[in-house]
Amino acid sequence: MEQATQTANLFELSCSDTHATYSASSFAGPPQFSYSGPRGDHSFSGEEIGTLDTALGTEVTVTLDTVPDLQTLTLTVLIPSLTLREDDEANFETLAIFTTNHTTIAGPPDGPAQTYEAIALDGVAKSVLF
């Protein structure tokens, strides 16, 4: 008998002192994202979470910090497409990319407008009913 498959919708990501959880939906309806690590503890919901389907998978982006006339810090995690057997979970490896967008009141700064820090994360994908 062939087992039913489901699309993963809950992703738990971690490495040493960094933890993130992304849920494509929730009991309340909108997606949820939480981050805990060296850059603080943050929770996001709905439109505060940007998603973009690319050749890399789904890019999930949140803004961790904004300092006017200095920088905006965003976090993007790469979420692969995963299909699971019913009541199963899958382990995977992915990346988190911290992007600092440098800004000034005088216009674009000299040099690169963005700088990056990438970290490897271990993930667990699950399919849950909300």
Protein backbone atom coordinates (compact mmCIF):
# COMPACT_ATOMS: atom_id res chain seq x y z
CA MET A 1 0.00 0.00 0.00
CA GLU A 2 1.37 3.38 -0.98
CA GLN A 3 1.74 5.89 1.84
CA ALA A 4 0.28 9.37 1.52
CA THR A 5 2.73 12.21 1.18
CA GLN A 6 2.54 15.73 2.56
CA THR A 7 4.43 18.94 1.96
CA ALA A 8 6.57 20.06 4.89
CA ASN A 9 5.29 23.25 6.52
CA LEU A 10 7.25 23.48 9.80
CA PHE A 11 11.02 23.95 9.81
CA GLU A 12 13.20 23.93 12.93
CA LEU A 13 16.73 25.20 12.30
CA SER A 14 19.76 25.35 14.59
CA CYS A 15 23.51 25.49 15.03
CA SER A 16 25.37 26.10 18.31
CA ASP A 17 23.84 29.34 19.69
CA THR A 18 21.45 30.09 16.81
CA HIS A 19 17.88 28.75 16.60
CA ALA A 20 15.12 29.60 14.15
CA THR A 21 11.67 28.19 13.47
CA TYR A 22 9.59 28.87 10.38
CA SER A 23 6.00 27.77 10.00
CA ALA A 24 4.34 28.36 6.62
CA SER A 25 1.00 28.66 8.46
CA SER A 26 -0.25 28.62 12.04
CA PHE A 27 -3.32 28.14 14.21
CA ALA A 28 -4.03 31.85 13.72
CA GLY A 29 -3.53 31.50 9.94
CA PRO A 30 -0.50 33.58 8.92
CA PRO A 31 3.07 32.26 8.77
CA GLN A 32 5.28 32.53 11.86
CA PHE A 33 9.07 32.95 12.20
CA SER A 34 11.17 33.09 15.33
CA TYR A 35 14.89 33.68 15.76
CA SER A 36 17.06 33.38 18.86
CA GLY A 37 20.79 33.90 18.75
CA PRO A 38 23.68 36.36 18.97
CA ARG A 39 21.50 39.06 17.37
CA GLY A 40 18.73 38.82 19.97
CA ASP A 41 15.35 37.16 20.26
CA HIS A 42 12.78 38.04 17.60
CA SER A 43 9.31 36.84 16.57
CA PHE A 44 7.53 37.66 13.31
CA SER A 45 4.11 36.98 11.85
CA GLY A 46 2.28 37.42 8.56
CA GLU A 47 3.47 40.30 6.39
CA GLU A 48 6.57 40.80 8.55
CA ILE A 49 7.90 37.67 6.81
CA GLY A 50 8.97 37.85 3.19
CA THR A 51 9.04 34.68 1.09
CA LEU A 52 10.38 34.25 -2.41
CA ASP A 53 10.49 31.01 -4.42
CA THR A 54 13.82 30.80 -6.28
CA ALA A 55 16.11 28.18 -7.79
CA LEU A 56 17.58 27.83 -4.27
CA GLY A 57 14.23 26.89 -2.73
CA THR A 58 12.11 29.27 -0.68
CA GLU A 59 13.97 32.28 0.66
CA VAL A 60 12.39 33.38 3.95
CA THR A 61 13.48 36.89 5.00
CA VAL A 62 12.84 38.97 8.13
CA THR A 63 14.24 42.30 9.29
CA LEU A 64 16.08 41.96 12.60
CA ASP A 65 17.16 45.57 13.09
CA THR A 66 16.92 48.99 11.45
CA VAL A 67 19.13 51.92 12.42
CA PRO A 68 18.17 55.01 10.36
CA ASP A 69 21.03 56.50 8.35
CA LEU A 70 23.29 53.57 9.23
CA GLN A 71 22.06 50.08 8.39
CA THR A 72 19.28 47.52 8.11
CA LEU A 73 19.99 43.95 9.18
CA THR A 74 17.97 41.15 7.58
CA LEU A 75 18.05 37.40 8.03
CA THR A 76 17.31 35.09 5.12
CA VAL A 77 17.04 31.33 5.52
CA LEU A 78 16.95 28.95 2.57
CA ILE A 79 14.17 26.38 2.84
CA PRO A 80 14.29 23.47 0.38
CA SER A 81 11.14 21.89 -1.00
CA LEU A 82 10.47 18.74 1.00
CA THR A 83 7.82 16.08 0.60
CA LEU A 84 7.28 13.80 3.57
CA ARG A 85 5.53 10.52 4.11
CA GLU A 86 2.56 10.84 6.45
CA ASP A 87 3.61 11.40 10.10
CA ASP A 88 7.29 11.63 9.11
CA GLU A 89 10.01 14.26 9.34
CA ALA A 90 13.19 14.91 7.38
CA ASN A 91 16.61 16.20 8.39
CA PHE A 92 18.38 18.63 6.06
CA GLU A 93 21.19 21.18 5.95
CA THR A 94 20.72 24.77 4.87
CA LEU A 95 22.09 28.31 5.18
CA ALA A 96 21.14 31.43 7.07
CA ILE A 97 22.40 34.67 5.55
CA PHE A 98 22.63 37.85 7.59
CA THR A 99 22.63 40.83 5.23
CA THR A 100 23.63 44.29 6.38
CA ASN A 101 22.29 46.97 4.02
CA HIS A 102 24.42 50.05 4.63
CA THR A 103 22.58 53.36 4.39
CA THR A 104 23.41 57.02 4.93
CA ILE A 105 21.44 60.23 4.82
CA ALA A 106 23.89 61.47 2.17
CA GLY A 107 22.98 58.70 -0.28
CA PRO A 108 24.66 55.42 -1.13
CA PRO A 109 27.83 54.78 0.89
CA ASP A 110 31.22 54.24 -0.74
CA GLY A 111 31.96 50.57 -1.32
CA PRO A 112 29.47 47.74 -1.22
CA ALA A 113 25.92 48.59 -0.21
CA GLN A 114 25.47 45.11 1.31
CA THR A 115 27.71 42.84 3.35
CA TYR A 116 26.93 39.23 4.22
CA GLU A 117 27.54 36.64 6.90
CA ALA A 118 26.42 33.09 6.16
CA ILE A 119 26.09 30.29 8.69
CA ALA A 120 25.28 26.63 8.17
CA LEU A 121 22.19 25.30 9.93
CA ASP A 122 20.86 21.82 10.62
CA GLY A 123 17.15 21.54 10.00
CA VAL A 124 14.22 19.29 10.71
CA ALA A 125 11.17 19.53 8.43
CA LYS A 126 7.75 18.38 9.56
CA SER A 127 4.22 18.42 8.24
CA VAL A 128 1.76 19.55 10.89
CA LEU A 129 -1.94 20.34 10.78
CA PHE A 130 -2.92 23.79 12.03
